[in-house]
Amino acid sequence: MRRLLRDASIRTKVLALVLLVTIVALMLASGSLLAWDYYQFRTDIGRELSTQAQIVLENTTAAMSFQDAATARETLETLSRNPHVRLGCLYTAAGELFSQFRPAGGAGRCPDRPPAEGYRFAATQVEVVVYTQVAGRPAGSVYLESDLEEVSRRARVQAVTAAMVLGVALIVALLLTSLLERIISEPINALARTAREVSSRNDYSLRARRSTGDELGLLVDAFNGMLSQIERAEAERAGLLAREREANRLKDEFLMTLSHELRTPLNAIQGWTRMLIAKVIPAEGVDKALLRIERNAQAQARLVEDLLEVSRFTTGKFRLDLTDVDLVVIANQAIETIRPEADARQITIERQFETPSVRLEGDPDRLQQAVWNLLSNAVKFSATGGRIVVGLRIVNGGGELRVQDQGIGIDPAFLPFVFELFRQADASSTRAHGGLGLGLSIVKRIIDLHRGEITAASGGVGRGAAFTVRLPIDMTTQGRRAPGLRPADDDRR
């Protein structure tokens, strides 16, 4: 049905919808009524036959007591007044057949023993069994068997009546729908004609005419408003196309970098794992192999975590748990965390703290993440035996953290884009330094959420770089939960 109506006109769909709903509703109502009437009528017949059997049994109890078969036979003959009774059987208290009734032409046979009391329906007949007692002792039972021709006849009459009502209702629904569908389809057809003209002529100055005040009228207004927006957007299309090409280029570069960065530690993990499985590494080298596997697994975990952080930023799910923190403690913790990596490359980290404490309101975990990212960047881009200076002071009522290295520096042309997502000065797969280019953008967003600012400075390639973070000491926030990204963050993306 859906496939047939997919390309049909609005008129056809409205007609089909109304007729389908009408048919389904009437069929459900008629079917329910017929089923209820059928089973109710069957139940009435069973009860009526049970009453008739009770009367017969009461009138034959005395005859069975005196073994008067003739009188019992006469009483059973009264069942002939019911043309649907096909068999009547009278049993003694001992369950023996005492007398029976069979109308002319009847072919039924009495059961050898009376069945259980009650009435039961079969496909073409109903059976009724009634027991009686005298002075608390069984006195006999009667078995009656009747056809269901009256039920079948009533069901046929009801079905014909329901079919006639359904046919009349469909005709009325079709006539009313034909009259009403024009009110719905004509404004839609007019809007569709305007849309075809706009598409074929590429003329966004055309407008659809509003003829109703309902939802279709609102749709026409929205359509005309969309045409106005398209007209304005045409003038900006050139700039949008340029930005789109740039975004696609950055996306392609990032995907290439991502695949390379994820594959590099994975290849190392697979290689060392295969050698361990093949037992080609001597026992004294197993610990070294496991350390390398762990180091590469941690590197890959950091990449995945950076991607998750960016996802939280872009979806607005990044939140801060604000509390009273000491920026000096946070900086010291970040330095101690990065120190093993710096010592491995003989890089000196020098503290230049001008104050013993810088207390402010912030998220300690996120602030430590930001400081650690800055230190990690400085270590990564510093040469072996280099020097990193971490400065901390209070300036103009705020805390200022400065991380300066003597590394490869930043190209002046790239410096304005250093905090943008997916931006890297060298995005080729053969670059000397790994990473996805997300660390500084994550730092930027964390600092922004703390109502602070971060700046980058460099004398050029080979002259090192310095990153300065400024955080307000008297932050004013509402509640203990910071909001997500501010609108400016979305603009930078």
Protein backbone atom coordinates (compact mmCIF):
# COMPACT_ATOMS: atom_id res chain seq x y z
CA MET A 1 0.00 0.00 0.00
CA ARG A 2 2.76 2.43 0.90
CA ARG A 3 4.60 1.68 -2.34
CA LEU A 4 1.44 2.16 -4.40
CA LEU A 5 0.57 5.52 -2.80
CA ARG A 6 4.11 6.89 -2.64
CA ASP A 7 3.89 8.67 -6.02
CA ALA A 8 0.11 9.20 -6.03
CA SER A 9 -1.49 12.64 -5.97
CA ILE A 10 -2.67 14.34 -2.79
CA ARG A 11 -6.28 13.76 -3.87
CA THR A 12 -5.70 10.02 -4.26
CA LYS A 13 -3.92 9.81 -0.93
CA VAL A 14 -6.71 11.66 0.91
CA LEU A 15 -9.35 9.44 -0.66
CA ALA A 16 -7.38 6.29 0.10
CA LEU A 17 -6.75 7.40 3.69
CA VAL A 18 -10.40 8.19 4.45
CA LEU A 19 -11.69 5.04 2.77
CA LEU A 20 -9.09 2.87 4.48
CA VAL A 21 -9.89 4.29 7.91
CA THR A 22 -13.62 3.95 7.26
CA ILE A 23 -13.31 0.35 6.07
CA VAL A 24 -11.10 -0.69 8.98
CA ALA A 25 -13.32 1.03 11.58
CA LEU A 26 -16.55 -0.39 10.18
CA MET A 27 -15.11 -3.87 9.75
CA LEU A 28 -13.79 -3.91 13.30
CA ALA A 29 -17.13 -2.64 14.65
CA SER A 30 -19.18 -5.02 12.52
CA GLY A 31 -16.94 -7.97 13.29
CA SER A 32 -17.06 -7.28 17.01
CA LEU A 33 -20.85 -6.93 16.92
CA LEU A 34 -21.30 -10.09 14.88
CA ALA A 35 -19.00 -12.10 17.11
CA TRP A 36 -20.71 -10.84 20.27
CA ASP A 37 -24.18 -11.53 18.87
CA TYR A 38 -23.17 -14.98 17.63
CA TYR A 39 -21.76 -16.14 20.94
CA GLN A 40 -24.56 -14.48 22.92
CA PHE A 41 -27.20 -16.19 20.79
CA ARG A 42 -25.46 -19.54 21.17
CA THR A 43 -25.37 -19.06 24.92
CA ASP A 44 -29.09 -18.18 24.98
CA ILE A 45 -29.89 -21.33 23.02
CA GLY A 46 -27.83 -23.43 25.44
CA ARG A 47 -29.59 -21.92 28.43
CA GLU A 48 -33.02 -22.31 26.83
CA LEU A 49 -32.32 -25.95 26.05
CA SER A 50 -31.07 -26.48 29.60
CA THR A 51 -34.36 -25.06 30.95
CA GLN A 52 -36.34 -27.32 28.65
CA ALA A 53 -34.31 -30.34 29.78
CA GLN A 54 -34.91 -29.40 33.44
CA ILE A 55 -38.68 -29.29 32.85
CA VAL A 56 -38.61 -32.66 31.09
CA LEU A 57 -36.60 -34.19 33.92
CA GLU A 58 -38.91 -32.84 36.63
CA ASN A 59 -41.96 -34.26 34.82
CA THR A 60 -40.41 -37.70 34.36
CA THR A 61 -38.87 -38.26 37.79
CA ALA A 62 -42.06 -39.86 39.16
CA ALA A 63 -42.47 -42.03 36.05
CA MET A 64 -38.94 -43.36 36.47
CA SER A 65 -39.62 -44.08 40.15
CA PHE A 66 -42.61 -46.26 39.21
CA GLN A 67 -40.92 -47.71 36.09
CA ASP A 68 -43.64 -46.12 33.94
CA ALA A 69 -41.88 -46.00 30.58
CA ALA A 70 -45.03 -44.99 28.68
CA THR A 71 -45.57 -41.84 30.73
CA ALA A 72 -41.88 -40.97 30.41
CA ARG A 73 -42.14 -41.46 26.66
CA GLU A 74 -45.14 -39.12 26.46
CA THR A 75 -43.23 -36.45 28.37
CA LEU A 76 -40.22 -36.78 26.04
CA GLU A 77 -42.61 -36.43 23.08
CA THR A 78 -43.23 -32.84 24.15
CA LEU A 79 -39.74 -32.07 22.81
CA SER A 80 -41.20 -32.32 19.30
CA ARG A 81 -42.52 -28.78 19.75
CA ASN A 82 -38.91 -27.63 19.35
CA PRO A 83 -38.06 -28.40 15.70
CA HIS A 84 -34.33 -28.14 16.43
CA VAL A 85 -34.18 -30.96 19.02
CA ARG A 86 -32.76 -34.03 17.29
CA LEU A 87 -32.46 -36.41 20.23
CA GLY A 88 -33.68 -36.77 23.85
CA CYS A 89 -32.45 -39.47 26.23
CA LEU A 90 -33.74 -40.18 29.76
CA TYR A 91 -31.51 -42.03 32.25
CA THR A 92 -32.24 -43.57 35.63
CA ALA A 93 -30.38 -42.74 38.80
CA ALA A 94 -28.11 -45.72 38.04
CA GLY A 95 -27.22 -44.18 34.68
CA GLU A 96 -29.18 -46.68 32.58
CA LEU A 97 -31.12 -45.56 29.51
CA PHE A 98 -34.84 -45.50 30.51
CA SER A 99 -36.49 -43.83 27.50
CA GLN A 100 -35.58 -41.82 24.44
CA PHE A 101 -37.05 -39.43 21.89
CA ARG A 102 -36.03 -39.21 18.26
CA PRO A 103 -38.02 -37.07 15.79
CA ALA A 104 -39.09 -38.50 12.45
CA GLY A 105 -36.07 -38.98 10.23
CA GLY A 106 -33.68 -38.49 13.15
CA ALA A 107 -30.51 -40.59 13.09
CA GLY A 108 -29.06 -39.74 16.51
CA ARG A 109 -28.09 -42.38 19.06
CA CYS A 110 -28.24 -42.04 22.85
CA PRO A 111 -24.92 -42.41 24.71
CA ASP A 112 -24.57 -45.59 26.78
CA ARG A 113 -24.02 -43.51 29.90
CA PRO A 114 -25.07 -39.92 30.60
CA PRO A 115 -22.22 -37.41 30.05
CA ALA A 116 -21.20 -34.79 32.59
CA GLU A 117 -23.76 -32.14 33.48
CA GLY A 118 -23.77 -28.89 31.49
CA TYR A 119 -24.03 -27.83 27.86
CA ARG A 120 -21.36 -28.18 25.18
CA PHE A 121 -21.19 -26.80 21.64
CA ALA A 122 -19.85 -28.74 18.68
CA ALA A 123 -19.49 -27.58 15.08
CA THR A 124 -23.14 -28.30 14.13
CA GLN A 125 -24.94 -29.10 17.39
CA VAL A 126 -25.31 -28.35 21.09
CA GLU A 127 -25.55 -31.03 23.78
CA VAL A 128 -27.26 -30.46 27.15
CA VAL A 129 -27.11 -32.79 30.17
CA VAL A 130 -29.16 -32.14 33.35
CA TYR A 131 -29.16 -34.21 36.56
CA THR A 132 -31.81 -34.18 39.31
CA GLN A 133 -31.98 -35.34 42.93
CA VAL A 134 -34.79 -36.40 45.28
CA ALA A 135 -34.25 -36.16 49.02
CA GLY A 136 -30.57 -35.51 48.39
CA ARG A 137 -30.10 -38.66 46.30
CA PRO A 138 -29.65 -38.91 42.48
CA ALA A 139 -32.99 -39.51 40.77
CA GLY A 140 -32.06 -39.44 37.09
CA SER A 141 -30.72 -37.35 34.21
CA VAL A 142 -31.69 -36.23 30.74
CA TYR A 143 -29.56 -35.71 27.62
CA LEU A 144 -30.77 -33.43 24.81
CA GLU A 145 -29.14 -32.78 21.45
CA SER A 146 -30.15 -29.82 19.25
CA ASP A 147 -28.90 -28.46 15.92
CA LEU A 148 -27.53 -24.92 15.41
CA GLU A 149 -29.49 -24.02 12.28
CA GLU A 150 -31.08 -21.03 14.04
CA VAL A 151 -27.63 -19.74 14.99
CA SER A 152 -26.34 -20.14 11.45
CA ARG A 153 -29.40 -18.44 10.00
CA ARG A 154 -29.08 -15.50 12.39
CA ALA A 155 -25.34 -15.19 11.59
CA ARG A 156 -26.09 -15.07 7.85
CA VAL A 157 -28.72 -12.38 8.31
CA GLN A 158 -26.40 -10.32 10.50
CA ALA A 159 -23.51 -10.68 8.01
CA VAL A 160 -25.70 -9.53 5.10
CA THR A 161 -26.94 -6.58 7.14
CA ALA A 162 -23.38 -5.60 8.13
CA ALA A 163 -22.21 -5.84 4.51
CA MET A 164 -25.06 -3.56 3.37
CA VAL A 165 -24.28 -1.02 6.10
CA LEU A 166 -20.59 -1.13 5.16
CA GLY A 167 -21.37 -0.56 1.49
CA VAL A 168 -23.65 2.41 2.21
CA ALA A 169 -21.09 3.90 4.61
CA LEU A 170 -18.31 3.61 2.01
CA ILE A 171 -20.43 5.35 -0.61
CA VAL A 172 -21.24 8.20 1.77
CA ALA A 173 -17.58 8.48 2.84
CA LEU A 174 -16.45 8.57 -0.80
CA LEU A 175 -18.90 11.37 -1.66
CA LEU A 176 -17.97 13.46 1.38
CA THR A 177 -14.25 12.93 0.81
CA SER A 178 -14.54 13.99 -2.84
CA LEU A 179 -16.13 17.24 -1.71
CA LEU A 180 -13.66 17.94 1.09
CA GLU A 181 -10.38 16.90 -0.51
CA ARG A 182 -10.42 19.91 -2.82
CA ILE A 183 -10.16 22.22 0.18
CA ILE A 184 -6.95 20.40 1.17
CA SER A 185 -5.40 19.55 -2.18
CA GLU A 186 -5.86 22.82 -4.09
CA PRO A 187 -3.59 24.98 -1.85
CA ILE A 188 -0.99 22.18 -1.84
CA ASN A 189 -1.15 21.88 -5.63
CA ALA A 190 -0.71 25.64 -5.97
CA LEU A 191 2.33 25.51 -3.69
CA ALA A 192 3.72 22.57 -5.68
CA ARG A 193 3.31 24.50 -8.95
CA THR A 194 5.23 27.45 -7.52
CA ALA A 195 7.96 25.13 -6.28
CA ARG A 196 8.28 23.54 -9.75
CA GLU A 197 8.56 26.96 -11.36
CA VAL A 198 11.24 28.04 -8.91
CA SER A 199 13.15 24.83 -9.55
CA SER A 200 12.88 24.91 -13.32
CA ARG A 201 13.63 28.64 -13.74
CA ASN A 202 16.02 29.06 -10.76
CA ASP A 203 14.09 32.24 -10.02
CA TYR A 204 13.95 32.73 -6.27
CA SER A 205 11.97 35.97 -6.61
CA LEU A 206 8.76 33.99 -7.20
CA ARG A 207 6.32 33.70 -4.30
CA ALA A 208 3.44 31.35 -3.57
CA ARG A 209 -0.03 32.83 -2.98
CA ARG A 210 -1.58 32.24 0.45
CA SER A 211 -5.28 31.31 0.21
CA THR A 212 -5.98 29.75 3.63
CA GLY A 213 -5.39 30.65 7.25
CA ASP A 214 -4.63 27.16 8.50
CA GLU A 215 -1.41 25.15 8.67
CA LEU A 216 -1.18 25.22 4.86
CA GLY A 217 -1.17 29.01 5.03
CA LEU A 218 1.69 28.82 7.53
CA LEU A 219 3.46 26.43 5.16
CA VAL A 220 3.11 28.94 2.31
CA ASP A 221 4.54 31.68 4.54
CA ALA A 222 7.43 29.42 5.54
CA PHE A 223 8.05 28.56 1.89
CA ASN A 224 8.11 32.21 0.88
CA GLY A 225 10.42 33.00 3.80
CA MET A 226 12.71 30.20 2.67
CA LEU A 227 12.84 31.71 -0.82
CA SER A 228 13.82 35.05 0.71
CA GLN A 229 16.60 33.41 2.67
CA ILE A 230 17.83 31.62 -0.45
CA GLU A 231 17.95 34.93 -2.28
CA ARG A 232 20.12 36.40 0.45
CA ALA A 233 22.24 33.27 0.62
CA GLU A 234 23.04 33.41 -3.09
CA ALA A 235 25.02 36.59 -2.51
CA GLU A 236 27.14 34.79 0.12
CA ARG A 237 27.56 31.53 -1.74
CA ALA A 238 31.04 32.23 -2.98
CA GLY A 239 32.37 32.75 0.52
CA LEU A 240 30.50 29.70 1.80
CA LEU A 241 31.95 27.54 -0.96
CA ALA A 242 35.45 28.69 -0.09
CA ARG A 243 34.91 27.89 3.57
CA GLU A 244 33.42 24.55 2.67
CA ARG A 245 36.42 23.63 0.56
CA GLU A 246 38.68 24.61 3.43
CA ALA A 247 36.61 22.54 5.87
CA ASN A 248 36.75 19.55 3.53
CA ARG A 249 40.49 19.92 3.22
CA LEU A 250 40.91 20.05 6.98
CA LYS A 251 38.60 17.08 7.36
CA ASP A 252 40.58 15.04 4.84
CA GLU A 253 43.85 16.00 6.50
CA PHE A 254 42.47 15.13 9.92
CA LEU A 255 41.14 11.75 8.77
CA MET A 256 44.50 10.98 7.19
CA THR A 257 46.27 12.01 10.38
CA LEU A 258 43.81 10.07 12.54
CA SER A 259 44.27 6.86 10.56
CA HIS A 260 48.05 7.25 10.74
CA GLU A 261 48.10 8.07 14.46
CA LEU A 262 45.79 5.20 15.36
CA ARG A 263 47.62 2.73 13.14
CA THR A 264 51.10 3.55 14.44
CA PRO A 265 50.64 2.38 18.06
CA LEU A 266 48.35 -0.42 16.90
CA ASN A 267 51.05 -1.78 14.59
CA ALA A 268 53.55 -1.69 17.44
CA ILE A 269 51.13 -3.47 19.78
CA GLN A 270 50.38 -6.13 17.18
CA GLY A 271 54.05 -6.61 16.35
CA TRP A 272 55.20 -7.05 19.93
CA THR A 273 52.19 -9.23 20.71
CA ARG A 274 52.93 -11.55 17.79
CA MET A 275 56.57 -11.84 18.90
CA LEU A 276 55.46 -12.68 22.43
CA ILE A 277 53.02 -15.30 21.17
CA ALA A 278 55.67 -16.80 18.86
CA LYS A 279 58.13 -16.78 21.81
CA VAL A 280 60.88 -15.21 19.71
CA ILE A 281 61.67 -12.77 22.53
CA PRO A 282 63.98 -14.16 25.23
CA ALA A 283 62.75 -14.25 28.81
CA GLU A 284 64.85 -11.27 29.83
CA GLY A 285 63.22 -9.17 27.05
CA VAL A 286 59.59 -9.92 27.94
CA ASP A 287 59.30 -7.05 30.42
CA LYS A 288 60.69 -4.63 27.86
CA ALA A 289 58.20 -5.87 25.27
CA LEU A 290 55.29 -5.49 27.70
CA LEU A 291 56.40 -1.96 28.57
CA ARG A 292 56.40 -1.03 24.89
CA ILE A 293 52.97 -2.56 24.43
CA GLU A 294 51.70 -0.61 27.43
CA ARG A 295 53.29 2.63 26.18
CA ASN A 296 51.66 2.29 22.75
CA ALA A 297 48.31 1.33 24.30
CA GLN A 298 48.45 4.46 26.48
CA ALA A 299 49.28 6.56 23.44
CA GLN A 300 46.27 5.17 21.60
CA ALA A 301 44.07 5.66 24.67
CA ARG A 302 45.10 9.34 24.79
CA LEU A 303 44.11 9.74 21.14
CA VAL A 304 40.69 8.22 21.78
CA GLU A 305 40.19 10.36 24.90
CA ASP A 306 41.02 13.52 22.92
CA LEU A 307 38.41 12.55 20.33
CA LEU A 308 35.85 11.97 23.08
CA GLU A 309 36.63 15.36 24.61
CA VAL A 310 36.09 17.07 21.26
CA SER A 311 32.81 15.18 20.87
CA ARG A 312 31.66 16.44 24.29
CA PHE A 313 32.50 20.01 23.27
CA THR A 314 30.71 19.83 19.93
CA THR A 315 27.58 18.22 21.41
CA GLY A 316 27.42 20.63 24.35
CA LYS A 317 27.82 17.84 26.93
CA PHE A 318 31.04 19.19 28.43
CA ARG A 319 30.45 20.35 32.01
CA LEU A 320 32.56 21.65 34.87
CA ASP A 321 32.41 20.67 38.54
CA LEU A 322 33.41 23.96 40.16
CA THR A 323 35.12 24.11 43.54
CA ASP A 324 37.77 26.14 45.33
CA VAL A 325 41.17 25.16 43.86
CA ASP A 326 44.80 26.28 44.09
CA LEU A 327 46.40 26.86 40.69
CA VAL A 328 49.84 26.32 42.23
CA VAL A 329 48.89 22.82 43.39
CA ILE A 330 47.39 22.01 40.01
CA ALA A 331 50.51 23.18 38.17
CA ASN A 332 52.78 21.14 40.47
CA GLN A 333 50.66 18.01 39.93
CA ALA A 334 50.78 18.45 36.16
CA ILE A 335 54.56 18.94 36.27
CA GLU A 336 55.04 15.77 38.31
CA THR A 337 52.83 13.84 35.90
CA ILE A 338 54.84 14.91 32.82
CA ARG A 339 58.24 14.71 34.51
CA PRO A 340 59.00 11.03 33.66
CA GLU A 341 58.48 11.77 29.97
CA ALA A 342 60.63 14.91 30.21
CA ASP A 343 63.40 13.09 32.12
CA ALA A 344 63.46 10.36 29.48
CA ARG A 345 64.46 13.02 26.96
CA GLN A 346 66.68 14.94 29.39
CA ILE A 347 64.39 17.98 29.27
CA THR A 348 64.55 20.29 32.29
CA ILE A 349 61.31 21.73 33.70
CA GLU A 350 62.00 24.90 35.70
CA ARG A 351 59.45 26.48 38.04
CA GLN A 352 59.26 30.27 38.36
CA PHE A 353 56.40 30.71 40.82
CA GLU A 354 56.12 34.28 42.19
CA THR A 355 53.37 33.39 44.66
CA PRO A 356 52.89 30.40 46.98
CA SER A 357 49.18 30.15 46.25
CA VAL A 358 46.66 31.23 43.58
CA ARG A 359 43.18 30.32 44.75
CA LEU A 360 40.24 30.50 42.39
CA GLU A 361 37.02 28.71 41.53
CA GLY A 362 37.38 26.01 38.92
CA ASP A 363 37.30 22.34 38.00
CA PRO A 364 40.56 20.84 39.32
CA ASP A 365 40.56 17.87 36.93
CA ARG A 366 39.92 20.02 33.85
CA LEU A 367 42.45 22.65 34.84
CA GLN A 368 45.08 19.98 35.42
CA GLN A 369 44.19 18.50 32.03
CA ALA A 370 44.74 21.91 30.40
CA VAL A 371 48.11 22.49 32.14
CA TRP A 372 49.21 18.92 31.35
CA ASN A 373 48.35 19.41 27.66
CA LEU A 374 50.46 22.57 27.53
CA LEU A 375 53.40 20.80 29.21
CA SER A 376 52.99 17.73 27.00
CA ASN A 377 53.09 19.95 23.92
CA ALA A 378 56.20 21.70 25.19
CA VAL A 379 57.97 18.38 25.85
CA LYS A 380 56.95 16.94 22.49
CA PHE A 381 58.24 19.88 20.48
CA SER A 382 61.43 20.39 22.50
CA ALA A 383 64.74 18.92 21.45
CA THR A 384 66.61 16.47 23.69
CA GLY A 385 68.31 18.36 26.54
CA GLY A 386 65.95 21.33 26.17
CA ARG A 387 64.48 23.54 28.87
CA ILE A 388 60.87 24.39 29.75
CA VAL A 389 59.96 27.23 32.08
CA VAL A 390 56.64 27.21 33.96
CA GLY A 391 55.80 30.61 35.42
CA LEU A 392 52.93 31.48 37.78
CA ARG A 393 51.99 34.86 39.23
CA ILE A 394 49.07 37.13 40.11
CA VAL A 395 48.53 39.99 37.65
CA ASN A 396 45.66 42.51 37.65
CA GLY A 397 43.57 40.50 40.10
CA GLY A 398 43.91 37.23 38.18
CA GLY A 399 46.16 34.21 38.04
CA GLU A 400 48.59 33.97 35.13
CA LEU A 401 50.24 30.68 34.10
CA ARG A 402 52.96 30.72 31.44
CA VAL A 403 54.55 27.69 29.76
CA GLN A 404 57.60 28.54 27.62
CA ASP A 405 59.81 26.13 25.70
CA GLN A 406 62.86 26.31 23.45
CA GLY A 407 61.44 23.96 20.84
CA ILE A 408 60.69 24.16 17.15
CA GLY A 409 58.49 27.25 17.49
CA ILE A 410 55.42 28.22 15.46
CA ASP A 411 55.29 29.60 11.94
CA PRO A 412 53.85 33.17 12.08
CA ALA A 413 51.38 32.24 9.31
CA PHE A 414 50.01 29.39 11.45
CA LEU A 415 49.99 31.22 14.79
CA PRO A 416 46.41 32.66 14.40
CA PHE A 417 45.05 29.13 13.86
CA VAL A 418 46.97 27.35 16.61
CA PHE A 419 43.87 26.84 18.82
CA GLU A 420 41.50 25.73 16.03
CA LEU A 421 40.20 22.15 15.91
CA PHE A 422 42.00 19.76 13.55
CA ARG A 423 44.60 22.40 12.62
CA GLN A 424 48.24 21.33 12.42
CA ALA A 425 51.20 23.21 11.04
CA ASP A 426 52.38 19.97 9.42
CA ALA A 427 49.45 17.66 8.56
CA SER A 428 51.40 15.24 6.34
CA SER A 429 51.76 11.59 7.27
CA THR A 430 55.57 11.99 7.24
CA ARG A 431 55.65 14.78 9.82
CA ALA A 432 58.24 14.52 12.58
CA HIS A 433 55.79 14.86 15.50
CA GLY A 434 52.67 12.79 16.07
CA GLY A 435 49.29 13.78 17.46
CA LEU A 436 45.89 14.82 16.14
CA GLY A 437 46.20 18.56 16.72
CA LEU A 438 43.43 18.53 19.35
CA GLY A 439 45.35 19.28 22.54
CA LEU A 440 45.53 23.06 22.22
CA SER A 441 41.91 23.35 21.07
CA ILE A 442 40.83 21.36 24.14
CA VAL A 443 42.92 23.67 26.36
CA LYS A 444 41.30 26.69 24.71
CA ARG A 445 37.79 25.47 25.43
CA ILE A 446 38.57 24.51 29.03
CA ILE A 447 40.01 27.97 29.70
CA ASP A 448 37.03 29.63 27.97
CA LEU A 449 34.64 27.73 30.22
CA HIS A 450 36.53 29.10 33.22
CA ARG A 451 35.97 32.65 31.91
CA GLY A 452 39.67 32.93 31.20
CA GLU A 453 41.80 33.42 28.11
CA ILE A 454 44.85 31.81 26.55
CA THR A 455 47.32 33.30 24.10
CA ALA A 456 50.21 31.88 22.09
CA ALA A 457 53.42 33.62 21.10
CA SER A 458 56.48 32.52 19.13
CA GLY A 459 59.48 34.20 17.57
CA GLY A 460 59.14 31.92 14.55
CA VAL A 461 60.32 28.50 13.47
CA GLY A 462 63.15 27.25 15.68
CA ARG A 463 62.69 29.94 18.32
CA GLY A 464 60.40 28.20 20.79
CA ALA A 465 56.86 29.05 21.85
CA ALA A 466 55.11 30.45 24.90
CA PHE A 467 51.49 29.89 26.01
CA THR A 468 49.95 32.19 28.60
CA VAL A 469 46.79 31.36 30.52
CA ARG A 470 44.94 34.03 32.51
CA LEU A 471 42.16 33.03 34.91
CA PRO A 472 40.04 35.39 37.04
CA ILE A 473 40.40 34.83 40.76
CA ASP A 474 36.96 36.27 41.62
CA MET A 475 34.88 34.17 39.22
CA THR A 476 31.12 34.68 39.44
CA THR A 477 29.03 31.68 38.50
CA GLN A 478 25.46 30.61 39.08
CA GLY A 479 25.24 27.36 41.07
CA ARG A 480 27.99 24.78 41.27
CA ARG A 481 27.67 23.62 37.68
CA ALA A 482 29.16 25.63 34.87
CA PRO A 483 27.19 25.93 31.62
CA GLY A 484 28.32 24.28 28.42
CA LEU A 485 30.00 26.02 25.52
CA ARG A 486 29.18 29.63 24.96
CA PRO A 487 27.95 30.77 21.53
CA ALA A 488 31.42 32.09 20.69
CA ASP A 489 32.83 28.57 20.88
CA ASP A 490 30.48 27.42 18.15
CA ASP A 491 31.60 30.32 15.98
CA ARG A 492 35.25 29.31 16.34
CA ARG A 493 34.46 25.80 15.20
